C-alpha atoms as a PDB file:
ATOM      1  CA  UNK A   1       0.926 -46.504 -24.590  1.00  0.00           C
ATOM      2  CA  UNK A   2      -0.915 -45.970 -21.294  1.00  0.00           C
ATOM      3  CA  UNK A   3      -5.015 -45.010 -21.284  1.00  0.00           C
ATOM      4  CA  UNK A   4      -6.420 -44.070 -17.762  1.00  0.00           C
ATOM      5  CA  UNK A   5     -10.247 -44.072 -18.355  1.00  0.00           C
ATOM      6  CA  UNK A   6     -12.937 -42.986 -16.210  1.00  0.00           C
ATOM      7  CA  UNK A   7     -16.452 -43.796 -16.924  1.00  0.00           C
ATOM      8  CA  UNK A   8     -20.018 -43.505 -14.560  1.00  0.00           C
ATOM      9  CA  UNK A   9     -18.862 -41.855 -11.318  1.00  0.00           C
ATOM     10  CA  UNK A  10     -22.535 -40.449 -10.677  1.00  0.00           C
ATOM     11  CA  UNK A  11     -22.641 -43.408  -7.846  1.00  0.00           C
ATOM     12  CA  UNK A  12     -21.494 -44.363  -4.557  1.00  0.00           C
ATOM     13  CA  UNK A  13     -17.935 -44.808  -6.604  1.00  0.00           C
ATOM     14  CA  UNK A  14     -17.858 -41.301  -7.115  1.00  0.00           C
ATOM     15  CA  UNK A  15     -15.873 -40.860  -3.489  1.00  0.00           C
ATOM     16  CA  UNK A  16     -12.848 -43.373  -4.355  1.00  0.00           C
ATOM     17  CA  UNK A  17     -12.006 -40.480  -6.488  1.00  0.00           C
ATOM     18  CA  UNK A  18     -10.414 -38.495  -3.582  1.00  0.00           C
ATOM     19  CA  UNK A  19      -8.546 -41.453  -2.582  1.00  0.00           C
ATOM     20  CA  UNK A  20      -6.631 -41.485  -5.659  1.00  0.00           C
ATOM     21  CA  UNK A  21      -2.810 -40.761  -5.871  1.00  0.00           C
ATOM     22  CA  UNK A  22      -2.413 -39.301  -9.526  1.00  0.00           C
ATOM     23  CA  UNK A  23       0.895 -38.554  -9.155  1.00  0.00           C
ATOM     24  CA  UNK A  24       1.780 -42.335  -8.809  1.00  0.00           C
ATOM     25  CA  UNK A  25      -0.242 -43.213 -11.855  1.00  0.00           C
ATOM     26  CA  UNK A  26       1.302 -43.763 -14.753  1.00  0.00           C
ATOM     27  CA  UNK A  27      -0.673 -42.847 -17.827  1.00  0.00           C
ATOM     28  CA  UNK A  28      -0.210 -41.245 -21.373  1.00  0.00           C
ATOM     29  CA  UNK A  29      -3.268 -40.196 -21.812  1.00  0.00           C
ATOM     30  CA  UNK A  30      -7.088 -39.797 -20.361  1.00  0.00           C
ATOM     31  CA  UNK A  31     -10.401 -40.224 -21.751  1.00  0.00           C
ATOM     32  CA  UNK A  32     -13.770 -40.064 -19.779  1.00  0.00           C
ATOM     33  CA  UNK A  33     -16.266 -42.047 -20.925  1.00  0.00           C
ATOM     34  CA  UNK A  34     -19.414 -40.399 -19.584  1.00  0.00           C
ATOM     35  CA  UNK A  35     -21.840 -40.313 -16.666  1.00  0.00           C
ATOM     36  CA  UNK A  36     -19.587 -38.243 -14.691  1.00  0.00           C
ATOM     37  CA  UNK A  37     -20.636 -35.691 -12.627  1.00  0.00           C
ATOM     38  CA  UNK A  38     -19.643 -31.702 -12.920  1.00  0.00           C
ATOM     39  CA  UNK A  39     -17.896 -32.230  -9.627  1.00  0.00           C
ATOM     40  CA  UNK A  40     -16.123 -35.390 -10.322  1.00  0.00           C
ATOM     41  CA  UNK A  41     -15.440 -34.604 -13.828  1.00  0.00           C
ATOM     42  CA  UNK A  42     -13.544 -31.124 -12.293  1.00  0.00           C
ATOM     43  CA  UNK A  43     -11.693 -32.779  -9.302  1.00  0.00           C
ATOM     44  CA  UNK A  44     -10.162 -35.023 -12.823  1.00  0.00           C
ATOM     45  CA  UNK A  45      -9.717 -32.338 -14.819  1.00  0.00           C
ATOM     46  CA  UNK A  46      -7.492 -30.887 -11.823  1.00  0.00           C
ATOM     47  CA  UNK A  47      -5.829 -33.940 -11.348  1.00  0.00           C
ATOM     48  CA  UNK A  48      -4.798 -35.676 -14.298  1.00  0.00           C
ATOM     49  CA  UNK A  49      -1.198 -34.144 -15.965  1.00  0.00           C
ATOM     50  CA  UNK A  50      -1.853 -35.119 -19.720  1.00  0.00           C
ATOM     51  CA  UNK A  51      -4.667 -34.507 -22.416  1.00  0.00           C
ATOM     52  CA  UNK A  52      -8.321 -35.327 -21.554  1.00  0.00           C
ATOM     53  CA  UNK A  53     -10.610 -36.334 -24.454  1.00  0.00           C
ATOM     54  CA  UNK A  54     -14.053 -37.407 -23.547  1.00  0.00           C
ATOM     55  CA  UNK A  55     -17.258 -38.578 -24.310  1.00  0.00           C
ATOM     56  CA  UNK A  56     -21.153 -38.117 -22.901  1.00  0.00           C
ATOM     57  CA  UNK A  57     -23.182 -40.241 -21.399  1.00  0.00           C
ATOM     58  CA  UNK A  58     -26.753 -40.506 -21.337  1.00  0.00           C
ATOM     59  CA  UNK A  59     -27.020 -38.449 -17.826  1.00  0.00           C
ATOM     60  CA  UNK A  60     -24.714 -35.925 -18.784  1.00  0.00           C
ATOM     61  CA  UNK A  61     -25.901 -32.266 -20.182  1.00  0.00           C
ATOM     62  CA  UNK A  62     -24.639 -31.305 -23.557  1.00  0.00           C
ATOM     63  CA  UNK A  63     -22.693 -28.248 -22.000  1.00  0.00           C
ATOM     64  CA  UNK A  64     -20.540 -30.366 -19.519  1.00  0.00           C
ATOM     65  CA  UNK A  65     -17.449 -30.564 -21.337  1.00  0.00           C
ATOM     66  CA  UNK A  66     -17.314 -26.899 -22.459  1.00  0.00           C
ATOM     67  CA  UNK A  67     -17.988 -25.864 -19.130  1.00  0.00           C
ATOM     68  CA  UNK A  68     -15.086 -27.400 -17.591  1.00  0.00           C
ATOM     69  CA  UNK A  69     -12.812 -26.409 -20.562  1.00  0.00           C
ATOM     70  CA  UNK A  70     -12.629 -30.551 -21.901  1.00  0.00           C
ATOM     71  CA  UNK A  71     -12.021 -31.438 -25.320  1.00  0.00           C
ATOM     72  CA  UNK A  72     -15.145 -33.721 -26.775  1.00  0.00           C
ATOM     73  CA  UNK A  73     -14.194 -36.448 -29.487  1.00  0.00           C
ATOM     74  CA  UNK A  74     -17.964 -37.142 -29.777  1.00  0.00           C
ATOM     75  CA  UNK A  75     -18.294 -37.362 -33.463  1.00  0.00           C
ATOM     76  CA  UNK A  76     -14.416 -36.431 -33.850  1.00  0.00           C
ATOM     77  CA  UNK A  77     -11.065 -38.319 -35.196  1.00  0.00           C
ATOM     78  CA  UNK A  78      -7.564 -37.757 -33.083  1.00  0.00           C
ATOM     79  CA  UNK A  79      -4.218 -40.021 -33.444  1.00  0.00           C
ATOM     80  CA  UNK A  80      -1.901 -40.189 -30.683  1.00  0.00           C
ATOM     81  CA  UNK A  81       1.144 -41.726 -30.934  1.00  0.00           C
ATOM     82  CA  UNK A  82       0.407 -43.814 -34.142  1.00  0.00           C
ATOM     83  CA  UNK A  83      -2.943 -44.493 -32.345  1.00  0.00           C
ATOM     84  CA  UNK A  84      -5.826 -43.205 -34.139  1.00  0.00           C
ATOM     85  CA  UNK A  85      -9.181 -42.835 -31.709  1.00  0.00           C
ATOM     86  CA  UNK A  86     -12.870 -41.794 -32.671  1.00  0.00           C
ATOM     87  CA  UNK A  87     -15.170 -41.090 -30.114  1.00  0.00           C
ATOM     88  CA  UNK A  88     -19.380 -41.671 -29.973  1.00  0.00           C
ATOM     89  CA  UNK A  89     -21.135 -40.024 -27.226  1.00  0.00           C
ATOM     90  CA  UNK A  90     -24.518 -41.375 -25.884  1.00  0.00           C
ATOM     91  CA  UNK A  91     -26.805 -44.297 -25.489  1.00  0.00           C
ATOM     92  CA  UNK A  92     -29.781 -45.151 -27.012  1.00  0.00           C
ATOM     93  CA  UNK A  93     -32.786 -42.967 -26.369  1.00  0.00           C
ATOM     94  CA  UNK A  94     -34.994 -44.565 -23.537  1.00  0.00           C
ATOM     95  CA  UNK A  95     -36.760 -41.044 -22.582  1.00  0.00           C
ATOM     96  CA  UNK A  96     -37.222 -37.819 -23.902  1.00  0.00           C
ATOM     97  CA  UNK A  97     -35.446 -34.963 -22.063  1.00  0.00           C
ATOM     98  CA  UNK A  98     -32.120 -32.667 -22.892  1.00  0.00           C
ATOM     99  CA  UNK A  99     -29.302 -35.522 -22.426  1.00  0.00           C
ATOM    100  CA  UNK A 100     -27.065 -36.967 -24.822  1.00  0.00           C
ATOM    101  CA  UNK A 101     -28.833 -39.901 -26.377  1.00  0.00           C
ATOM    102  CA  UNK A 102     -29.713 -41.050 -29.730  1.00  0.00           C
ATOM    103  CA  UNK A 103     -32.326 -42.709 -31.237  1.00  0.00           C
ATOM    104  CA  UNK A 104     -31.081 -46.498 -33.308  1.00  0.00           C
ATOM    105  CA  UNK A 105     -32.043 -44.705 -36.367  1.00  0.00           C
ATOM    106  CA  UNK A 106     -29.905 -41.189 -35.231  1.00  0.00           C
ATOM    107  CA  UNK A 107     -27.578 -43.518 -34.375  1.00  0.00           C
ATOM    108  CA  UNK A 108     -26.365 -45.574 -37.493  1.00  0.00           C
ATOM    109  CA  UNK A 109     -26.493 -42.414 -39.431  1.00  0.00           C
ATOM    110  CA  UNK A 110     -24.303 -40.779 -36.955  1.00  0.00           C
ATOM    111  CA  UNK A 111     -21.712 -43.853 -37.160  1.00  0.00           C
ATOM    112  CA  UNK A 112     -21.870 -43.825 -40.870  1.00  0.00           C
ATOM    113  CA  UNK A 113     -20.172 -40.369 -40.742  1.00  0.00           C
ATOM    114  CA  UNK A 114     -17.231 -41.416 -38.305  1.00  0.00           C
ATOM    115  CA  UNK A 115     -13.829 -41.778 -40.083  1.00  0.00           C
ATOM    116  CA  UNK A 116     -12.436 -45.497 -39.322  1.00  0.00           C
ATOM    117  CA  UNK A 117      -9.961 -45.542 -36.416  1.00  0.00           C
ATOM    118  CA  UNK A 118      -8.137 -48.475 -34.295  1.00  0.00           C
ATOM    119  CA  UNK A 119     -10.141 -47.570 -31.348  1.00  0.00           C
ATOM    120  CA  UNK A 120     -13.668 -46.457 -30.861  1.00  0.00           C
ATOM    121  CA  UNK A 121     -13.998 -44.959 -27.422  1.00  0.00           C
ATOM    122  CA  UNK A 122     -17.797 -44.339 -26.825  1.00  0.00           C
ATOM    123  CA  UNK A 123     -20.511 -44.576 -23.748  1.00  0.00           C
ATOM    124  CA  UNK A 124     -22.649 -47.870 -24.737  1.00  0.00           C
ATOM    125  CA  UNK A 125     -21.401 -50.409 -27.091  1.00  0.00           C
ATOM    126  CA  UNK A 126     -23.007 -52.504 -29.804  1.00  0.00           C
ATOM    127  CA  UNK A 127     -26.561 -53.595 -29.896  1.00  0.00           C
ATOM    128  CA  UNK A 128     -27.134 -56.180 -28.108  1.00  0.00           C
ATOM    129  CA  UNK A 129     -23.999 -56.947 -26.883  1.00  0.00           C
ATOM    130  CA  UNK A 130     -24.659 -56.812 -23.058  1.00  0.00           C
ATOM    131  CA  UNK A 131     -28.680 -55.951 -22.469  1.00  0.00           C
ATOM    132  CA  UNK A 132     -31.240 -57.382 -23.983  1.00  0.00           C
ATOM    133  CA  UNK A 133     -32.461 -55.849 -27.079  1.00  0.00           C
ATOM    134  CA  UNK A 134     -35.982 -54.939 -26.143  1.00  0.00           C
ATOM    135  CA  UNK A 135     -34.199 -53.027 -23.054  1.00  0.00           C
ATOM    136  CA  UNK A 136     -34.279 -49.294 -24.167  1.00  0.00           C
ATOM    137  CA  UNK A 137     -32.116 -48.610 -21.556  1.00  0.00           C
ATOM    138  CA  UNK A 138     -29.031 -50.785 -22.126  1.00  0.00           C
ATOM    139  CA  UNK A 139     -29.609 -52.481 -25.677  1.00  0.00           C
ATOM    140  CA  UNK A 140     -26.002 -50.725 -26.719  1.00  0.00           C
ATOM    141  CA  UNK A 141     -26.550 -48.549 -30.571  1.00  0.00           C
ATOM    142  CA  UNK A 142     -27.420 -50.632 -34.116  1.00  0.00           C
ATOM    143  CA  UNK A 143     -24.906 -47.683 -35.251  1.00  0.00           C
ATOM    144  CA  UNK A 144     -22.012 -48.881 -33.041  1.00  0.00           C
ATOM    145  CA  UNK A 145     -22.708 -52.554 -34.544  1.00  0.00           C
ATOM    146  CA  UNK A 146     -22.365 -51.479 -38.040  1.00  0.00           C
ATOM    147  CA  UNK A 147     -19.230 -49.989 -37.494  1.00  0.00           C
ATOM    148  CA  UNK A 148     -17.521 -52.217 -36.005  1.00  0.00           C
ATOM    149  CA  UNK A 149     -18.669 -54.834 -38.974  1.00  0.00           C
ATOM    150  CA  UNK A 150     -17.479 -52.381 -41.490  1.00  0.00           C
ATOM    151  CA  UNK A 151     -14.310 -50.557 -40.062  1.00  0.00           C
ATOM    152  CA  UNK A 152     -13.108 -53.722 -37.180  1.00  0.00           C
ATOM    153  CA  UNK A 153     -11.434 -51.403 -35.142  1.00  0.00           C
ATOM    154  CA  UNK A 154      -8.777 -53.421 -32.688  1.00  0.00           C
ATOM    155  CA  UNK A 155     -10.759 -52.195 -29.102  1.00  0.00           C
ATOM    156  CA  UNK A 156     -14.491 -50.435 -28.360  1.00  0.00           C
ATOM    157  CA  UNK A 157     -13.419 -48.951 -24.993  1.00  0.00           C
ATOM    158  CA  UNK A 158     -16.867 -47.583 -23.188  1.00  0.00           C
ATOM    159  CA  UNK A 159     -18.710 -47.702 -19.615  1.00  0.00           C
ATOM    160  CA  UNK A 160     -22.748 -47.325 -19.439  1.00  0.00           C
ATOM    161  CA  UNK A 161     -23.316 -50.957 -17.936  1.00  0.00           C
ATOM    162  CA  UNK A 162     -21.546 -50.815 -14.462  1.00  0.00           C
ATOM    163  CA  UNK A 163     -19.136 -53.717 -14.595  1.00  0.00           C
ATOM    164  CA  UNK A 164     -15.723 -54.499 -16.165  1.00  0.00           C
ATOM    165  CA  UNK A 165     -16.012 -56.957 -18.707  1.00  0.00           C
ATOM    166  CA  UNK A 166     -14.283 -57.775 -21.817  1.00  0.00           C
ATOM    167  CA  UNK A 167     -16.278 -59.069 -24.875  1.00  0.00           C
ATOM    168  CA  UNK A 168     -15.097 -59.669 -28.131  1.00  0.00           C
ATOM    169  CA  UNK A 169     -17.389 -58.430 -30.967  1.00  0.00           C
ATOM    170  CA  UNK A 170     -16.774 -59.609 -34.595  1.00  0.00           C
ATOM    171  CA  UNK A 171     -12.880 -58.878 -34.885  1.00  0.00           C
ATOM    172  CA  UNK A 172     -13.255 -56.132 -32.571  1.00  0.00           C
ATOM    173  CA  UNK A 173     -12.651 -56.335 -28.560  1.00  0.00           C
ATOM    174  CA  UNK A 174     -14.933 -54.385 -26.641  1.00  0.00           C
ATOM    175  CA  UNK A 175     -13.875 -53.180 -23.236  1.00  0.00           C
ATOM    176  CA  UNK A 176     -16.489 -52.098 -21.154  1.00  0.00           C
ATOM    177  CA  UNK A 177     -15.154 -50.221 -17.988  1.00  0.00           C
ATOM    178  CA  UNK A 178     -16.417 -49.115 -14.722  1.00  0.00           C
ATOM    179  CA  UNK A 179     -14.630 -46.650 -12.224  1.00  0.00           C
ATOM    180  CA  UNK A 180     -11.235 -45.703 -13.032  1.00  0.00           C
ATOM    181  CA  UNK A 181      -8.865 -48.097 -14.753  1.00  0.00           C
ATOM    182  CA  UNK A 182      -5.974 -48.010 -16.600  1.00  0.00           C
ATOM    183  CA  UNK A 183      -5.463 -49.611 -19.753  1.00  0.00           C
ATOM    184  CA  UNK A 184      -1.405 -50.595 -21.567  1.00  0.00           C
ATOM    185  CA  UNK A 185      -1.404 -50.891 -24.861  1.00  0.00           C
ATOM    186  CA  UNK A 186       1.133 -53.399 -25.929  1.00  0.00           C
ATOM    187  CA  UNK A 187       2.712 -54.059 -29.543  1.00  0.00           C
ATOM    188  CA  UNK A 188       1.581 -56.810 -31.453  1.00  0.00           C
ATOM    189  CA  UNK A 189      -2.592 -55.752 -30.595  1.00  0.00           C
ATOM    190  CA  UNK A 190      -1.991 -57.080 -27.046  1.00  0.00           C
ATOM    191  CA  UNK A 191      -2.975 -55.540 -24.140  1.00  0.00           C
ATOM    192  CA  UNK A 192      -3.456 -54.972 -20.576  1.00  0.00           C
ATOM    193  CA  UNK A 193      -5.633 -53.395 -17.680  1.00  0.00           C
ATOM    194  CA  UNK A 194      -5.455 -52.307 -14.169  1.00  0.00           C
ATOM    195  CA  UNK A 195      -8.516 -51.131 -12.540  1.00  0.00           C
ATOM    196  CA  UNK A 196      -7.959 -48.463  -9.884  1.00  0.00           C
ATOM    197  CA  UNK A 197     -11.057 -48.661  -8.691  1.00  0.00           C
ATOM    198  CA  UNK A 198     -14.636 -49.918  -9.117  1.00  0.00           C
END
């Protein structure tokens, strides 16, 4: 399975999307990982020729996906070609406004209700995996840490940190995406990543 991913296109890489030749990309499913502005997300929706599923980022309004008729998988599980995915929107709450953010306590409660899945699709990652635990903006979510410890998903694919990186988090491989990439899932739990732009 080839997974087309987009994340954090609210930065100067917004223009890069206009240079993608979507007709020459080979993919089976698309996930947007949050922090993508309305017009860019609309461009993705109009050019991607497969099912698009999405989670929201901490800069996204709650109605963004419904306005564009893109299917949210926040707190939902889907199965595609024998692989299960579950989604979680938002980051750690670092300010009070109407954006997709969770307190640590809320993240723990929400993740308790998530079903086990092969792959966790989220905007943020496990607590303390990338940023300092004292940095409320980039500390990660304790709920994701507990989910990974309990269910041991194969992968956690997310954005938020504006870098492309692979880290091991317990038995789960954490893949941070910035920009656009295609993740190819192979047999025997192997994968390859091709970065389109970042």
